[in-house]
Amino acid sequence: MRLTLLLILLITCFSAKAEGLVRIAAAADLQPALAIIEEQFRQYYPNAQIAITYGASGTLTSQIRQGAPFQVFLSANEENADILIREGKTSGTGVIYALGRIAFISRLDIQADSAVEALKEWQEIKRPSDRLAIANPIHAPNGITAMSWLQHWDKTASVQSTLVYGENASQSVQFVLSGAANSGIVAWPLIALRDDLSINTWLIPSEEHELASRKMVLIRNANQTAVNFYQFMQSDIAQNLLSQYGFGVP
């Protein structure tokens, strides 16, 4: 009898803890902003347990389709979230929570007033071994946006041989910071508030590229903590923080 009671108590405690844990899949360029948003969320839900996995949206989508136990998905575009919606893996049709922005960055001493001027100067002074970093457009929406900007200025063919692809938005920035590439077209939110970087940056105007609307979805059978976080991401607090970190606000 005592053993049975003990087992019931243990199961109850475990269930309570499990109910409070929310696993979030998030696009890589959200990392700086989500760290602060998570802090704000905990002020309202101090007992919430949050585990965030960052990566390329296409990769995260594949993981969710294969059964990864995420409860909220913050995609860098609409398309990947819509795949999950069509397959019936979500609760509802999702919400546009932000708009993507990109920037041209370079370790070189480039003097330019705009991103396209900086790109042109880079092409003029670069060495044969120099590389231009972008996120892999096969599974990273930031890479698709970067390619759309190059296409806008008819630069795709002229830089194709210099491109080096990061697995996600964070890795493309890291390529430039580490010297693996000396320039890049990267997610603006990863560098917008950083004053510790020895690089030149130019925010690319949104009218020069396809503006990626970013959708978040609540995965089916998500617990209450996940629902709370999903709703909090739509609050003025979270939206203002996303704006501060360089995202466009819908």
C-alpha atoms as a PDB file:
ATOM      1  CA  MET A   1       0.000   0.000   0.000  1.00  0.00           C
ATOM      2  CA  ARG A   2       2.793   2.382   0.982  1.00  0.00           C
ATOM      3  CA  LEU A   3       4.732   1.415  -2.139  1.00  0.00           C
ATOM      4  CA  THR A   4       1.703   2.106  -4.332  1.00  0.00           C
ATOM      5  CA  LEU A   5       1.187   5.497  -2.675  1.00  0.00           C
ATOM      6  CA  LEU A   6       4.850   6.347  -3.178  1.00  0.00           C
ATOM      7  CA  LEU A   7       4.632   5.444  -6.879  1.00  0.00           C
ATOM      8  CA  ILE A   8       1.541   7.608  -7.297  1.00  0.00           C
ATOM      9  CA  LEU A   9       3.320  10.545  -5.659  1.00  0.00           C
ATOM     10  CA  LEU A  10       6.371  10.086  -7.870  1.00  0.00           C
ATOM     11  CA  ILE A  11       4.253   9.901 -11.026  1.00  0.00           C
ATOM     12  CA  THR A  12       2.314  12.997  -9.966  1.00  0.00           C
ATOM     13  CA  CYS A  13       5.524  14.955  -9.358  1.00  0.00           C
ATOM     14  CA  PHE A  14       6.994  13.848 -12.679  1.00  0.00           C
ATOM     15  CA  SER A  15       3.822  14.796 -14.535  1.00  0.00           C
ATOM     16  CA  ALA A  16       3.786  18.231 -12.925  1.00  0.00           C
ATOM     17  CA  LYS A  17       7.360  18.820 -14.014  1.00  0.00           C
ATOM     18  CA  ALA A  18       6.698  17.535 -17.520  1.00  0.00           C
ATOM     19  CA  GLU A  19       3.662  19.779 -17.847  1.00  0.00           C
ATOM     20  CA  GLY A  20       5.819  22.800 -17.103  1.00  0.00           C
ATOM     21  CA  LEU A  21       8.502  21.994 -19.691  1.00  0.00           C
ATOM     22  CA  VAL A  22       8.134  23.558 -23.113  1.00  0.00           C
ATOM     23  CA  ARG A  23      10.432  22.565 -25.967  1.00  0.00           C
ATOM     24  CA  ILE A  24      10.777  25.300 -28.549  1.00  0.00           C
ATOM     25  CA  ALA A  25      12.255  25.013 -32.027  1.00  0.00           C
ATOM     26  CA  ALA A  26      13.481  28.410 -33.222  1.00  0.00           C
ATOM     27  CA  ALA A  27      15.233  29.861 -36.250  1.00  0.00           C
ATOM     28  CA  ALA A  28      18.903  30.474 -35.499  1.00  0.00           C
ATOM     29  CA  ASP A  29      18.779  34.258 -35.834  1.00  0.00           C
ATOM     30  CA  LEU A  30      16.297  34.480 -32.955  1.00  0.00           C
ATOM     31  CA  GLN A  31      18.885  33.530 -30.348  1.00  0.00           C
ATOM     32  CA  PRO A  32      19.816  37.045 -29.093  1.00  0.00           C
ATOM     33  CA  ALA A  33      16.208  38.244 -28.943  1.00  0.00           C
ATOM     34  CA  LEU A  34      14.741  35.050 -27.468  1.00  0.00           C
ATOM     35  CA  ALA A  35      17.263  35.074 -24.624  1.00  0.00           C
ATOM     36  CA  ILE A  36      15.751  38.350 -23.416  1.00  0.00           C
ATOM     37  CA  ILE A  37      12.171  37.377 -24.247  1.00  0.00           C
ATOM     38  CA  GLU A  38      12.629  34.212 -22.179  1.00  0.00           C
ATOM     39  CA  GLU A  39      13.769  36.319 -19.213  1.00  0.00           C
ATOM     40  CA  GLN A  40      10.655  38.490 -19.517  1.00  0.00           C
ATOM     41  CA  PHE A  41       8.424  35.421 -19.847  1.00  0.00           C
ATOM     42  CA  ARG A  42       9.838  33.980 -16.626  1.00  0.00           C
ATOM     43  CA  GLN A  43       8.796  37.094 -14.741  1.00  0.00           C
ATOM     44  CA  TYR A  44       5.195  36.133 -15.444  1.00  0.00           C
ATOM     45  CA  TYR A  45       5.695  32.355 -15.263  1.00  0.00           C
ATOM     46  CA  PRO A  46       8.599  31.825 -12.827  1.00  0.00           C
ATOM     47  CA  ASN A  47       8.099  28.046 -12.646  1.00  0.00           C
ATOM     48  CA  ALA A  48       8.141  27.514 -16.394  1.00  0.00           C
ATOM     49  CA  GLN A  49      10.832  25.249 -17.787  1.00  0.00           C
ATOM     50  CA  ILE A  50      12.009  26.189 -21.265  1.00  0.00           C
ATOM     51  CA  ALA A  51      14.323  24.310 -23.628  1.00  0.00           C
ATOM     52  CA  ILE A  52      15.092  26.088 -26.916  1.00  0.00           C
ATOM     53  CA  THR A  53      16.746  24.430 -29.885  1.00  0.00           C
ATOM     54  CA  TYR A  54      18.081  26.752 -32.581  1.00  0.00           C
ATOM     55  CA  GLY A  55      18.690  25.775 -36.183  1.00  0.00           C
ATOM     56  CA  ALA A  56      17.775  26.247 -39.818  1.00  0.00           C
ATOM     57  CA  SER A  57      13.992  26.322 -40.234  1.00  0.00           C
ATOM     58  CA  GLY A  58      14.003  23.622 -42.889  1.00  0.00           C
ATOM     59  CA  THR A  59      16.017  21.312 -40.666  1.00  0.00           C
ATOM     60  CA  LEU A  60      13.746  21.941 -37.681  1.00  0.00           C
ATOM     61  CA  THR A  61      10.687  21.309 -39.838  1.00  0.00           C
ATOM     62  CA  SER A  62      12.085  17.922 -40.857  1.00  0.00           C
ATOM     63  CA  GLN A  63      12.752  17.049 -37.231  1.00  0.00           C
ATOM     64  CA  ILE A  64       9.194  17.924 -36.202  1.00  0.00           C
ATOM     65  CA  ARG A  65       7.774  15.887 -39.092  1.00  0.00           C
ATOM     66  CA  GLN A  66       9.841  12.940 -37.874  1.00  0.00           C
ATOM     67  CA  GLY A  67       8.448  13.220 -34.354  1.00  0.00           C
ATOM     68  CA  ALA A  68      10.827  15.525 -32.484  1.00  0.00           C
ATOM     69  CA  PRO A  69       9.001  16.555 -29.279  1.00  0.00           C
ATOM     70  CA  PHE A  70       8.808  20.309 -29.901  1.00  0.00           C
ATOM     71  CA  GLN A  71       5.705  22.186 -28.816  1.00  0.00           C
ATOM     72  CA  VAL A  72       6.285  25.602 -30.389  1.00  0.00           C
ATOM     73  CA  PHE A  73       7.984  26.297 -33.706  1.00  0.00           C
ATOM     74  CA  LEU A  74       9.271  29.776 -34.564  1.00  0.00           C
ATOM     75  CA  SER A  75      10.078  29.579 -38.260  1.00  0.00           C
ATOM     76  CA  ALA A  76      12.133  32.082 -40.263  1.00  0.00           C
ATOM     77  CA  ASN A  77       9.475  31.984 -42.986  1.00  0.00           C
ATOM     78  CA  GLU A  78       5.871  30.970 -43.603  1.00  0.00           C
ATOM     79  CA  GLU A  79       6.545  28.034 -45.895  1.00  0.00           C
ATOM     80  CA  ASN A  80       8.086  25.681 -43.347  1.00  0.00           C
ATOM     81  CA  ALA A  81       5.388  26.378 -40.781  1.00  0.00           C
ATOM     82  CA  ASP A  82       2.727  25.826 -43.458  1.00  0.00           C
ATOM     83  CA  ILE A  83       4.128  22.361 -44.198  1.00  0.00           C
ATOM     84  CA  LEU A  84       3.350  21.348 -40.622  1.00  0.00           C
ATOM     85  CA  ILE A  85      -0.087  22.959 -40.782  1.00  0.00           C
ATOM     86  CA  ARG A  86      -1.005  21.058 -43.950  1.00  0.00           C
ATOM     87  CA  GLU A  87       0.131  17.797 -42.379  1.00  0.00           C
ATOM     88  CA  GLY A  88      -2.093  18.363 -39.357  1.00  0.00           C
ATOM     89  CA  LYS A  89       0.763  18.619 -36.872  1.00  0.00           C
ATOM     90  CA  THR A  90      -0.257  21.989 -35.467  1.00  0.00           C
ATOM     91  CA  SER A  91      -3.021  23.455 -33.384  1.00  0.00           C
ATOM     92  CA  GLY A  92      -4.477  26.230 -35.511  1.00  0.00           C
ATOM     93  CA  THR A  93      -2.986  27.997 -38.514  1.00  0.00           C
ATOM     94  CA  GLY A  94      -0.197  29.918 -36.825  1.00  0.00           C
ATOM     95  CA  VAL A  95       0.633  33.602 -36.474  1.00  0.00           C
ATOM     96  CA  ILE A  96       3.024  35.953 -38.270  1.00  0.00           C
ATOM     97  CA  TYR A  97       5.256  37.142 -35.424  1.00  0.00           C
ATOM     98  CA  ALA A  98       8.001  39.094 -37.237  1.00  0.00           C
ATOM     99  CA  LEU A  99       9.562  40.037 -40.558  1.00  0.00           C
ATOM    100  CA  GLY A 100      13.088  39.022 -41.543  1.00  0.00           C
ATOM    101  CA  ARG A 101      15.901  41.536 -42.237  1.00  0.00           C
ATOM    102  CA  ILE A 102      19.349  40.958 -43.702  1.00  0.00           C
ATOM    103  CA  ALA A 103      22.595  42.912 -43.884  1.00  0.00           C
ATOM    104  CA  PHE A 104      25.848  42.983 -45.827  1.00  0.00           C
ATOM    105  CA  ILE A 105      28.875  42.721 -43.552  1.00  0.00           C
ATOM    106  CA  SER A 106      32.599  42.781 -44.255  1.00  0.00           C
ATOM    107  CA  ARG A 107      35.913  42.559 -42.433  1.00  0.00           C
ATOM    108  CA  LEU A 108      37.484  44.649 -45.195  1.00  0.00           C
ATOM    109  CA  ASP A 109      37.920  48.409 -45.013  1.00  0.00           C
ATOM    110  CA  ILE A 110      35.124  49.237 -47.408  1.00  0.00           C
ATOM    111  CA  GLN A 111      33.850  52.795 -47.678  1.00  0.00           C
ATOM    112  CA  ALA A 112      30.276  52.742 -48.941  1.00  0.00           C
ATOM    113  CA  ASP A 113      26.962  54.399 -48.173  1.00  0.00           C
ATOM    114  CA  SER A 114      24.785  51.403 -48.998  1.00  0.00           C
ATOM    115  CA  ALA A 115      24.893  47.629 -48.969  1.00  0.00           C
ATOM    116  CA  VAL A 116      24.882  47.315 -52.759  1.00  0.00           C
ATOM    117  CA  GLU A 117      27.751  49.810 -53.048  1.00  0.00           C
ATOM    118  CA  ALA A 118      29.653  47.804 -50.434  1.00  0.00           C
ATOM    119  CA  LEU A 119      29.043  44.592 -52.383  1.00  0.00           C
ATOM    120  CA  LYS A 120      30.282  46.200 -55.610  1.00  0.00           C
ATOM    121  CA  GLU A 121      33.425  47.511 -53.898  1.00  0.00           C
ATOM    122  CA  TRP A 122      34.029  44.089 -52.369  1.00  0.00           C
ATOM    123  CA  GLN A 123      33.877  42.545 -55.818  1.00  0.00           C
ATOM    124  CA  GLU A 124      36.430  45.075 -57.076  1.00  0.00           C
ATOM    125  CA  ILE A 125      38.996  44.596 -54.292  1.00  0.00           C
ATOM    126  CA  LYS A 126      38.528  40.953 -53.316  1.00  0.00           C
ATOM    127  CA  ARG A 127      41.256  38.388 -53.841  1.00  0.00           C
ATOM    128  CA  PRO A 128      40.573  35.090 -55.666  1.00  0.00           C
ATOM    129  CA  SER A 129      40.510  33.257 -52.338  1.00  0.00           C
ATOM    130  CA  ASP A 130      38.002  35.607 -50.677  1.00  0.00           C
ATOM    131  CA  ARG A 131      34.586  34.191 -49.840  1.00  0.00           C
ATOM    132  CA  LEU A 132      31.084  35.585 -49.316  1.00  0.00           C
ATOM    133  CA  ALA A 133      29.071  33.823 -46.608  1.00  0.00           C
ATOM    134  CA  ILE A 134      25.321  33.231 -46.658  1.00  0.00           C
ATOM    135  CA  ALA A 135      23.044  30.732 -44.945  1.00  0.00           C
ATOM    136  CA  ASN A 136      22.348  27.654 -47.063  1.00  0.00           C
ATOM    137  CA  PRO A 137      19.201  28.490 -49.086  1.00  0.00           C
ATOM    138  CA  ILE A 138      18.279  24.809 -49.286  1.00  0.00           C
ATOM    139  CA  HIS A 139      17.049  24.804 -45.694  1.00  0.00           C
ATOM    140  CA  ALA A 140      17.666  28.307 -44.271  1.00  0.00           C
ATOM    141  CA  PRO A 141      15.200  31.066 -45.237  1.00  0.00           C
ATOM    142  CA  ASN A 142      17.839  33.734 -44.570  1.00  0.00           C
ATOM    143  CA  GLY A 143      19.842  32.185 -47.378  1.00  0.00           C
ATOM    144  CA  ILE A 144      16.848  32.422 -49.702  1.00  0.00           C
ATOM    145  CA  THR A 145      16.475  36.088 -48.778  1.00  0.00           C
ATOM    146  CA  ALA A 146      20.179  36.702 -49.409  1.00  0.00           C
ATOM    147  CA  MET A 147      19.911  35.100 -52.847  1.00  0.00           C
ATOM    148  CA  SER A 148      16.852  37.210 -53.664  1.00  0.00           C
ATOM    149  CA  TRP A 149      18.886  40.344 -52.887  1.00  0.00           C
ATOM    150  CA  LEU A 150      21.698  39.214 -55.186  1.00  0.00           C
ATOM    151  CA  GLN A 151      19.129  38.506 -57.899  1.00  0.00           C
ATOM    152  CA  HIS A 152      17.593  41.952 -57.367  1.00  0.00           C
ATOM    153  CA  TRP A 153      20.926  43.514 -58.353  1.00  0.00           C
ATOM    154  CA  ASP A 154      21.727  40.868 -60.980  1.00  0.00           C
ATOM    155  CA  LYS A 155      24.761  39.729 -58.976  1.00  0.00           C
ATOM    156  CA  THR A 156      24.024  36.035 -58.575  1.00  0.00           C
ATOM    157  CA  ALA A 157      26.232  34.779 -61.379  1.00  0.00           C
ATOM    158  CA  SER A 158      29.134  37.085 -60.586  1.00  0.00           C
ATOM    159  CA  VAL A 159      29.425  35.961 -56.948  1.00  0.00           C
ATOM    160  CA  GLN A 160      28.349  32.321 -57.281  1.00  0.00           C
ATOM    161  CA  SER A 161      31.889  30.948 -57.196  1.00  0.00           C
ATOM    162  CA  THR A 162      32.722  32.898 -54.044  1.00  0.00           C
ATOM    163  CA  LEU A 163      29.762  31.747 -51.938  1.00  0.00           C
ATOM    164  CA  VAL A 164      30.277  29.669 -48.804  1.00  0.00           C
ATOM    165  CA  TYR A 165      27.174  28.305 -47.107  1.00  0.00           C
ATOM    166  CA  GLY A 166      26.471  28.183 -43.396  1.00  0.00           C
ATOM    167  CA  GLU A 167      24.173  25.444 -42.153  1.00  0.00           C
ATOM    168  CA  ASN A 168      22.033  28.153 -40.553  1.00  0.00           C
ATOM    169  CA  ALA A 169      21.962  31.913 -40.041  1.00  0.00           C
ATOM    170  CA  SER A 170      24.317  31.806 -37.048  1.00  0.00           C
ATOM    171  CA  GLN A 171      26.989  29.828 -38.856  1.00  0.00           C
ATOM    172  CA  SER A 172      27.056  32.228 -41.796  1.00  0.00           C
ATOM    173  CA  VAL A 173      27.847  35.074 -39.386  1.00  0.00           C
ATOM    174  CA  GLN A 174      30.451  32.937 -37.651  1.00  0.00           C
ATOM    175  CA  PHE A 175      32.178  32.307 -40.986  1.00  0.00           C
ATOM    176  CA  VAL A 176      32.825  36.039 -41.286  1.00  0.00           C
ATOM    177  CA  LEU A 177      33.813  36.528 -37.641  1.00  0.00           C
ATOM    178  CA  SER A 178      36.262  33.624 -37.803  1.00  0.00           C
ATOM    179  CA  GLY A 179      37.807  34.724 -41.087  1.00  0.00           C
ATOM    180  CA  ALA A 180      36.587  31.735 -43.096  1.00  0.00           C
ATOM    181  CA  ALA A 181      34.872  34.382 -45.237  1.00  0.00           C
ATOM    182  CA  ASN A 182      35.676  38.078 -45.152  1.00  0.00           C
ATOM    183  CA  SER A 183      32.191  39.244 -46.089  1.00  0.00           C
ATOM    184  CA  GLY A 184      28.652  37.964 -45.899  1.00  0.00           C
ATOM    185  CA  ILE A 185      24.951  38.557 -46.431  1.00  0.00           C
ATOM    186  CA  VAL A 186      23.554  37.627 -43.062  1.00  0.00           C
ATOM    187  CA  ALA A 187      20.620  37.886 -40.672  1.00  0.00           C
ATOM    188  CA  TRP A 188      20.549  41.438 -39.318  1.00  0.00           C
ATOM    189  CA  PRO A 189      19.146  40.469 -35.880  1.00  0.00           C
ATOM    190  CA  LEU A 190      22.326  38.510 -35.102  1.00  0.00           C
ATOM    191  CA  ILE A 191      24.459  41.649 -35.293  1.00  0.00           C
ATOM    192  CA  ALA A 192      22.060  44.577 -34.888  1.00  0.00           C
ATOM    193  CA  LEU A 193      22.846  45.303 -31.219  1.00  0.00           C
ATOM    194  CA  ARG A 194      26.428  44.066 -31.094  1.00  0.00           C
ATOM    195  CA  ASP A 195      29.061  46.767 -30.656  1.00  0.00           C
ATOM    196  CA  ASP A 196      31.902  44.325 -30.035  1.00  0.00           C
ATOM    197  CA  LEU A 197      32.409  43.268 -33.637  1.00  0.00           C
ATOM    198  CA  SER A 198      35.282  44.478 -35.807  1.00  0.00           C
ATOM    199  CA  ILE A 199      33.234  44.441 -38.984  1.00  0.00           C
ATOM    200  CA  ASN A 200      31.490  46.960 -41.192  1.00  0.00           C
ATOM    201  CA  THR A 201      27.748  46.524 -41.543  1.00  0.00           C
ATOM    202  CA  TRP A 202      25.079  47.799 -43.918  1.00  0.00           C
ATOM    203  CA  LEU A 203      21.410  47.052 -43.313  1.00  0.00           C
ATOM    204  CA  ILE A 204      19.807  46.056 -46.607  1.00  0.00           C
ATOM    205  CA  PRO A 205      16.566  47.948 -47.393  1.00  0.00           C
ATOM    206  CA  SER A 206      13.567  45.646 -47.280  1.00  0.00           C
ATOM    207  CA  GLU A 207      12.396  46.769 -50.727  1.00  0.00           C
ATOM    208  CA  GLU A 208      15.554  45.233 -52.247  1.00  0.00           C
ATOM    209  CA  HIS A 209      14.745  41.644 -51.324  1.00  0.00           C
ATOM    210  CA  GLU A 210      11.870  39.298 -50.702  1.00  0.00           C
ATOM    211  CA  LEU A 211      10.618  40.161 -47.236  1.00  0.00           C
ATOM    212  CA  ALA A 212      10.274  36.927 -45.302  1.00  0.00           C
ATOM    213  CA  SER A 213       7.178  36.836 -43.124  1.00  0.00           C
ATOM    214  CA  ARG A 214       8.021  34.662 -40.143  1.00  0.00           C
ATOM    215  CA  LYS A 215       5.322  32.359 -38.824  1.00  0.00           C
ATOM    216  CA  MET A 216       5.105  30.553 -35.510  1.00  0.00           C
ATOM    217  CA  VAL A 217       2.903  27.569 -34.837  1.00  0.00           C
ATOM    218  CA  LEU A 218       1.739  25.685 -31.797  1.00  0.00           C
ATOM    219  CA  ILE A 219       2.309  21.975 -32.220  1.00  0.00           C
ATOM    220  CA  ARG A 220      -0.595  19.638 -31.472  1.00  0.00           C
ATOM    221  CA  ASN A 221      -0.865  18.398 -27.868  1.00  0.00           C
ATOM    222  CA  ALA A 222       1.313  21.237 -26.589  1.00  0.00           C
ATOM    223  CA  ASN A 223       1.084  21.784 -22.844  1.00  0.00           C
ATOM    224  CA  GLN A 224      -0.150  24.900 -21.085  1.00  0.00           C
ATOM    225  CA  THR A 225       3.332  26.360 -20.716  1.00  0.00           C
ATOM    226  CA  ALA A 226       3.747  26.144 -24.482  1.00  0.00           C
ATOM    227  CA  VAL A 227       0.396  27.872 -24.983  1.00  0.00           C
ATOM    228  CA  ASN A 228       1.456  30.605 -22.560  1.00  0.00           C
ATOM    229  CA  PHE A 229       4.747  31.148 -24.398  1.00  0.00           C
ATOM    230  CA  TYR A 230       3.019  31.151 -27.784  1.00  0.00           C
ATOM    231  CA  GLN A 231       0.650  33.854 -26.551  1.00  0.00           C
ATOM    232  CA  PHE A 232       3.467  35.805 -24.896  1.00  0.00           C
ATOM    233  CA  MET A 233       5.319  35.986 -28.228  1.00  0.00           C
ATOM    234  CA  GLN A 234       2.340  37.981 -29.526  1.00  0.00           C
ATOM    235  CA  SER A 235       2.420  40.456 -26.637  1.00  0.00           C
ATOM    236  CA  ASP A 236       3.653  44.048 -26.900  1.00  0.00           C
ATOM    237  CA  ILE A 237       6.589  43.103 -24.672  1.00  0.00           C
ATOM    238  CA  ALA A 238       7.862  40.412 -27.023  1.00  0.00           C
ATOM    239  CA  GLN A 239       7.068  42.385 -30.180  1.00  0.00           C
ATOM    240  CA  ASN A 240       8.973  45.424 -28.903  1.00  0.00           C
ATOM    241  CA  LEU A 241      11.980  43.274 -28.076  1.00  0.00           C
ATOM    242  CA  LEU A 242      11.938  41.679 -31.520  1.00  0.00           C
ATOM    243  CA  SER A 243      11.904  45.164 -33.034  1.00  0.00           C
ATOM    244  CA  GLN A 244      14.840  46.241 -30.848  1.00  0.00           C
ATOM    245  CA  TYR A 245      16.833  43.259 -32.051  1.00  0.00           C
ATOM    246  CA  GLY A 246      16.365  44.146 -35.700  1.00  0.00           C
ATOM    247  CA  PHE A 247      13.281  42.241 -36.794  1.00  0.00           C
ATOM    248  CA  GLY A 248      10.511  43.885 -38.718  1.00  0.00           C
ATOM    249  CA  VAL A 249       7.216  43.849 -36.844  1.00  0.00           C
ATOM    250  CA  PRO A 250       4.124  42.830 -38.833  1.00  0.00           C
END
